Amino acid sequence: MVEKKRFERLKVNDPLVQALATRNYPWWKTLVERSHTDNKISIQVRGSYLNVYSTMGNLMKVEMAGSKIVCTTHYKYLIDDLADEYVNLVTEGDHLAVSRPSCPLVTSLLEEKHFQRVQNNIASHSGVEKTIQSKLAWHNRNTLLDAEIAFNEVGEQGDNTDRKTRIDLVHLDKRSNAVVFVELKQLSDVRLHSGEVNRQIAKYIAFASERKGEIIDAYRNVIQVKELLKILPTTSELATAEIKRVEPKPILAIACSNQKYIDDWKNDVKAKLNTEQLAGLYFFGTDVDLNLKSNKNKEVFI
């Protein structure tokens, strides 16, 4: 039998956290500062590393390799702007040779013009749902604990592994001091209308129920690490929050372009859902407060 991995997050005494907190890394300071002003940037804590997201694409992984900090990103995000999108090929010999580098790369990630190019590249790969997720994370940044949490039957797996299930967002409900998972779907997602999302939600409930103690410990560590590294916004309520419990039932947040579509489709979607599995069912346009409180487009079931 495979031993289940613990669900964990970095602690404040971890070497990576201590290095970023005590040594002078101007590049890290720049990223943290941008995370407070750029609504695309989000920094999240993992079990042994940090992820810097842009439009919820993995801009950078930050980790320790021995005694040094190593940052990695995907090459496809680094392709610079081309003056001419076509590349001449040399028509001599047995091969068609490339006459010059076809994909010049940016030369400095944080230089303003290059950073904008990298962000545009990430956005082009992200898709609509990631863009909505990024906006939702920014709107709820004062109570957001985590994003892009991957796990399977043997535990949390991280960003760079074959993942079976992934939770979009983790939020601290400020009224009940409870950790709440959030699943994001677009109204057009066929899984909403087929009922498949109910099976996905059941996996979240099983994970939350089985790992309550680990989840509470992990996110208490997250708050401490984010506070030490100045990742928390100055307006964040997390620094003084007390995590008391885990709500096993998640929020299902459904993105829709306008109120008319919400009104037309709300009842049809709800009929396909097992609402007994949900803490809340939210319909929204671009922004929604994730706290468990009912209004016109938000229904709470607990």
Protein backbone atom coordinates (compact mmCIF):
# COMPACT_ATOMS: atom_id res chain seq x y z
CA MET A 1 0.00 0.00 0.00
CA VAL A 2 1.34 3.43 -1.00
CA GLU A 3 1.83 5.72 1.97
CA LYS A 4 -0.11 8.95 1.67
CA LYS A 5 1.97 12.10 1.51
CA ARG A 6 1.18 14.75 4.07
CA PHE A 7 -0.43 17.93 2.86
CA GLU A 8 2.18 20.53 3.88
CA ARG A 9 3.32 24.06 3.22
CA LEU A 10 6.62 25.82 3.88
CA LYS A 11 7.29 26.99 7.44
CA VAL A 12 8.93 30.26 8.47
CA ASN A 13 12.11 28.44 9.54
CA ASP A 14 12.57 26.76 6.17
CA PRO A 15 15.93 27.70 4.55
CA LEU A 16 14.22 29.15 1.46
CA VAL A 17 11.94 31.38 3.53
CA GLN A 18 14.78 32.49 5.80
CA ALA A 19 17.02 33.28 2.83
CA LEU A 20 14.36 35.43 1.15
CA ALA A 21 13.52 37.14 4.45
CA THR A 22 17.05 37.93 5.65
CA ARG A 23 19.21 38.36 2.56
CA ASN A 24 19.09 41.19 0.07
CA TYR A 25 17.52 39.91 -3.15
CA PRO A 26 16.39 42.93 -5.19
CA TRP A 27 14.71 40.69 -7.78
CA TRP A 28 12.54 39.13 -5.06
CA LYS A 29 11.63 42.53 -3.63
CA THR A 30 10.59 43.62 -7.14
CA LEU A 31 8.34 40.58 -7.61
CA VAL A 32 6.69 41.08 -4.21
CA GLU A 33 6.11 44.76 -4.90
CA ARG A 34 4.57 43.96 -8.28
CA SER A 35 2.27 41.40 -6.68
CA HIS A 36 0.70 44.27 -4.71
CA THR A 37 0.05 46.50 -7.73
CA ASP A 38 -0.24 44.16 -10.73
CA ASN A 39 -3.58 42.35 -10.69
CA LYS A 40 -2.13 39.50 -12.77
CA ILE A 41 0.61 38.55 -10.27
CA SER A 42 0.00 36.10 -7.42
CA ILE A 43 2.63 34.47 -5.17
CA GLN A 44 1.67 31.18 -3.55
CA VAL A 45 3.38 28.92 -1.02
CA ARG A 46 4.03 25.23 -1.73
CA GLY A 47 5.41 22.35 0.30
CA SER A 48 9.05 23.03 -0.56
CA TYR A 49 9.03 26.03 -2.90
CA LEU A 50 7.17 29.16 -3.99
CA ASN A 51 5.21 29.76 -7.19
CA VAL A 52 4.90 33.16 -8.82
CA TYR A 53 1.88 33.23 -11.13
CA SER A 54 0.89 35.64 -13.87
CA THR A 55 -2.71 35.26 -15.07
CA MET A 56 -2.50 31.98 -13.11
CA GLY A 57 0.19 30.67 -15.44
CA ASN A 58 3.33 29.54 -13.63
CA LEU A 59 5.65 32.48 -14.26
CA MET A 60 8.35 31.20 -11.91
CA LYS A 61 9.20 28.47 -9.44
CA VAL A 62 11.51 29.58 -6.61
CA GLU A 63 13.34 26.89 -4.62
CA MET A 64 16.57 26.01 -2.87
CA ALA A 65 19.25 23.92 -4.57
CA GLY A 66 21.84 23.27 -1.91
CA SER A 67 22.60 26.66 -0.43
CA LYS A 68 21.49 28.67 -3.48
CA ILE A 69 18.11 29.95 -4.60
CA VAL A 70 17.15 28.74 -8.06
CA CYS A 71 14.37 30.21 -10.20
CA THR A 72 12.93 28.37 -13.20
CA THR A 73 10.39 29.28 -15.87
CA HIS A 74 9.16 27.72 -19.09
CA TYR A 75 11.01 28.68 -22.27
CA LYS A 76 7.75 29.34 -24.15
CA TYR A 77 7.13 32.36 -21.93
CA LEU A 78 10.49 33.92 -22.83
CA ILE A 79 10.05 34.30 -26.58
CA ASP A 80 10.63 37.93 -27.47
CA ASP A 81 8.74 40.03 -29.96
CA LEU A 82 9.76 39.42 -33.58
CA ALA A 83 10.05 42.22 -36.12
CA ASP A 84 9.10 39.70 -38.83
CA GLU A 85 7.18 36.56 -37.93
CA TYR A 86 8.61 34.71 -40.93
CA VAL A 87 12.12 33.22 -40.95
CA ASN A 88 14.11 32.61 -44.14
CA LEU A 89 15.41 29.09 -44.73
CA VAL A 90 18.65 28.31 -46.58
CA THR A 91 17.80 26.22 -49.67
CA GLU A 92 21.20 24.60 -50.15
CA GLY A 93 22.39 21.03 -49.53
CA ASP A 94 20.20 18.25 -48.15
CA HIS A 95 18.43 20.31 -45.49
CA LEU A 96 16.48 23.52 -45.14
CA ALA A 97 18.68 25.33 -42.66
CA VAL A 98 17.44 28.11 -40.41
CA SER A 99 19.40 31.22 -41.32
CA ARG A 100 19.04 32.94 -37.95
CA PRO A 101 17.59 32.21 -34.50
CA SER A 102 13.86 31.83 -35.08
CA CYS A 103 12.86 32.49 -31.48
CA PRO A 104 14.94 35.22 -29.80
CA LEU A 105 14.44 35.22 -26.04
CA VAL A 106 14.04 38.09 -23.62
CA THR A 107 17.35 38.96 -22.00
CA SER A 108 16.15 40.11 -18.57
CA LEU A 109 12.91 38.87 -17.07
CA LEU A 110 12.20 41.80 -14.75
CA GLU A 111 13.10 44.66 -17.10
CA GLU A 112 9.80 46.41 -17.71
CA LYS A 113 9.46 45.85 -21.47
CA HIS A 114 10.59 42.23 -21.20
CA PHE A 115 8.35 41.53 -18.22
CA GLN A 116 5.37 42.81 -20.19
CA ARG A 117 6.30 40.54 -23.08
CA VAL A 118 6.55 37.53 -20.75
CA GLN A 119 3.18 38.35 -19.19
CA ASN A 120 1.61 38.64 -22.64
CA ASN A 121 3.06 35.26 -23.58
CA ILE A 122 1.65 33.66 -20.45
CA ALA A 123 -1.75 35.24 -21.03
CA SER A 124 -1.82 33.86 -24.57
CA HIS A 125 -1.41 30.34 -23.15
CA SER A 126 -3.72 30.79 -20.16
CA GLY A 127 -7.15 30.74 -21.73
CA VAL A 128 -10.39 32.30 -20.53
CA GLU A 129 -10.81 30.28 -17.34
CA LYS A 130 -7.31 31.11 -16.08
CA THR A 131 -7.96 34.78 -16.79
CA ILE A 132 -11.17 34.64 -14.76
CA GLN A 133 -9.40 32.74 -11.98
CA SER A 134 -6.70 35.41 -11.88
CA LYS A 135 -9.29 38.18 -11.55
CA LEU A 136 -11.10 36.25 -8.83
CA ALA A 137 -7.84 35.75 -6.91
CA TRP A 138 -7.05 39.46 -7.12
CA HIS A 139 -10.53 40.53 -6.04
CA ASN A 140 -10.30 38.27 -2.95
CA ARG A 141 -6.58 38.79 -2.26
CA ASN A 142 -7.22 39.95 1.32
CA THR A 143 -8.54 36.52 2.32
CA LEU A 144 -6.95 34.28 -0.34
CA LEU A 145 -4.84 31.47 1.13
CA ASP A 146 -3.81 29.55 -1.97
CA ALA A 147 -4.42 28.79 -5.65
CA GLU A 148 -3.82 25.85 -7.97
CA ILE A 149 -3.72 23.11 -5.32
CA ALA A 150 -3.04 19.72 -6.86
CA PHE A 151 -3.68 16.42 -5.12
CA ASN A 152 -4.51 12.79 -5.81
CA GLU A 153 -5.28 9.68 -3.79
CA VAL A 154 -1.78 9.59 -2.27
CA GLY A 155 -1.50 13.25 -1.32
CA GLU A 156 -0.64 16.68 -2.59
CA GLN A 157 1.54 16.58 -5.67
CA GLY A 158 2.54 20.11 -6.65
CA ASP A 159 2.62 21.94 -9.96
CA ASN A 160 5.09 19.85 -11.88
CA THR A 161 3.61 16.38 -11.58
CA ASP A 162 0.87 14.36 -13.19
CA ARG A 163 -2.13 15.57 -11.23
CA LYS A 164 -5.54 13.98 -11.02
CA THR A 165 -7.48 16.69 -9.21
CA ARG A 166 -6.79 20.37 -8.74
CA ILE A 167 -8.55 22.93 -6.57
CA ASP A 168 -8.75 26.40 -8.10
CA LEU A 169 -8.66 28.57 -4.98
CA VAL A 170 -8.48 28.30 -1.19
CA HIS A 171 -10.19 31.05 0.76
CA LEU A 172 -10.48 31.90 4.45
CA ASP A 173 -14.10 32.69 5.21
CA LYS A 174 -13.83 35.63 7.59
CA ARG A 175 -17.24 35.06 9.21
CA SER A 176 -16.50 31.50 10.36
CA ASN A 177 -12.67 31.47 10.26
CA ALA A 178 -12.92 28.38 8.07
CA VAL A 179 -10.73 27.23 5.18
CA VAL A 180 -13.01 26.87 2.15
CA PHE A 181 -12.11 25.39 -1.24
CA VAL A 182 -13.42 27.11 -4.36
CA GLU A 183 -14.10 25.41 -7.68
CA LEU A 184 -14.38 27.74 -10.67
CA LYS A 185 -16.38 26.90 -13.78
CA GLN A 186 -17.60 28.86 -16.77
CA LEU A 187 -21.33 28.74 -17.41
CA SER A 188 -20.63 27.11 -20.79
CA ASP A 189 -18.64 24.23 -19.23
CA VAL A 190 -20.36 20.98 -20.26
CA ARG A 191 -19.40 19.39 -16.93
CA LEU A 192 -21.92 21.67 -15.21
CA HIS A 193 -24.74 20.55 -17.47
CA SER A 194 -23.87 16.84 -17.45
CA GLY A 195 -23.54 16.57 -13.68
CA GLU A 196 -19.89 15.51 -13.95
CA VAL A 197 -18.90 18.35 -11.64
CA ASN A 198 -20.67 16.50 -8.78
CA ARG A 199 -18.02 13.75 -8.93
CA GLN A 200 -15.27 16.36 -8.90
CA ILE A 201 -16.81 18.07 -5.86
CA ALA A 202 -17.03 14.71 -4.05
CA LYS A 203 -13.23 14.35 -4.37
CA TYR A 204 -12.76 17.76 -2.76
CA ILE A 205 -15.00 16.79 0.14
CA ALA A 206 -13.11 13.52 0.70
CA PHE A 207 -9.77 15.34 0.63
CA ALA A 208 -10.93 18.08 3.02
CA SER A 209 -12.54 15.59 5.41
CA GLU A 210 -9.55 13.24 5.55
CA ARG A 211 -6.90 15.96 5.88
CA LYS A 212 -8.52 18.54 8.16
CA GLY A 213 -5.65 18.73 10.65
CA GLU A 214 -2.99 18.86 7.93
CA ILE A 215 -4.89 21.55 6.02
CA ILE A 216 -5.23 23.76 9.10
CA ASP A 217 -1.53 23.39 9.95
CA ALA A 218 -0.51 24.01 6.33
CA TYR A 219 -2.46 27.24 6.00
CA ARG A 220 -1.42 28.57 9.37
CA ASN A 221 2.13 28.17 8.03
CA VAL A 222 1.13 29.88 4.78
CA ILE A 223 -0.12 32.94 6.64
CA GLN A 224 3.09 33.16 8.68
CA VAL A 225 5.31 32.76 5.61
CA LYS A 226 3.36 35.29 3.55
CA GLU A 227 3.47 37.78 6.40
CA LEU A 228 7.23 37.33 6.92
CA LEU A 229 7.95 37.69 3.20
CA LYS A 230 5.59 40.69 2.92
CA ILE A 231 3.43 38.87 0.36
CA LEU A 232 0.22 39.74 2.23
CA PRO A 233 -1.39 43.00 1.09
CA THR A 234 -1.38 45.72 3.73
CA THR A 235 -5.19 45.48 3.75
CA SER A 236 -5.17 41.70 4.23
CA GLU A 237 -7.20 40.23 7.05
CA LEU A 238 -5.09 37.06 7.15
CA ALA A 239 -2.35 38.40 9.41
CA THR A 240 -4.76 38.63 12.35
CA ALA A 241 -7.02 35.75 11.33
CA GLU A 242 -7.39 32.53 13.28
CA ILE A 243 -8.07 29.36 11.30
CA LYS A 244 -10.50 27.36 13.40
CA ARG A 245 -11.73 24.68 11.03
CA VAL A 246 -11.95 23.33 7.49
CA GLU A 247 -15.29 23.48 5.70
CA PRO A 248 -15.36 20.18 3.78
CA LYS A 249 -17.99 21.39 1.30
CA PRO A 250 -16.59 23.75 -1.36
CA ILE A 251 -17.99 26.82 -3.05
CA LEU A 252 -18.87 26.37 -6.71
CA ALA A 253 -18.30 29.71 -8.45
CA ILE A 254 -19.75 29.95 -11.96
CA ALA A 255 -18.54 32.71 -14.25
CA CYS A 256 -21.02 34.27 -16.64
CA SER A 257 -20.77 37.29 -18.91
CA ASN A 258 -23.93 39.11 -17.82
CA GLN A 259 -26.92 39.03 -15.50
CA LYS A 260 -29.38 37.95 -18.20
CA TYR A 261 -27.45 34.72 -18.79
CA ILE A 262 -27.34 34.11 -15.05
CA ASP A 263 -31.11 34.59 -14.78
CA ASP A 264 -31.77 32.37 -17.82
CA TRP A 265 -29.51 29.48 -16.76
CA LYS A 266 -29.34 29.52 -12.96
CA ASN A 267 -32.21 27.10 -12.34
CA ASP A 268 -31.17 24.71 -15.12
CA VAL A 269 -27.62 24.49 -13.76
CA LYS A 270 -28.78 24.12 -10.18
CA ALA A 271 -31.05 21.22 -11.18
CA LYS A 272 -27.99 19.24 -12.33
CA LEU A 273 -26.05 19.86 -9.13
CA ASN A 274 -26.05 18.01 -5.85
CA THR A 275 -26.27 21.12 -3.70
CA GLU A 276 -25.99 19.02 -0.54
CA GLN A 277 -22.29 18.76 -1.46
CA LEU A 278 -21.84 22.54 -1.68
CA ALA A 279 -21.16 25.24 0.88
CA GLY A 280 -22.25 27.81 -1.65
CA LEU A 281 -23.27 28.28 -5.28
CA TYR A 282 -22.17 31.62 -6.71
CA PHE A 283 -22.86 33.12 -10.14
CA PHE A 284 -20.79 36.15 -11.09
CA GLY A 285 -19.50 38.40 -13.86
CA THR A 286 -15.94 39.56 -13.15
CA ASP A 287 -15.85 40.03 -9.37
CA VAL A 288 -17.35 38.10 -6.49
CA ASP A 289 -16.75 38.20 -2.74
CA LEU A 290 -16.04 34.59 -1.79
CA ASN A 291 -17.19 34.94 1.81
CA LEU A 292 -20.20 32.78 2.70
CA LYS A 293 -23.03 35.25 2.54
CA SER A 294 -26.13 35.00 0.35
CA ASN A 295 -27.29 37.66 -2.08
CA LYS A 296 -29.04 37.78 -5.44
CA ASN A 297 -26.46 35.60 -7.21
CA LYS A 298 -25.03 33.79 -4.18
CA GLU A 299 -26.75 30.93 -2.39
CA VAL A 300 -25.28 29.43 0.78
CA PHE A 301 -26.27 25.91 1.83
CA ILE A 302 -24.58 25.54 5.25
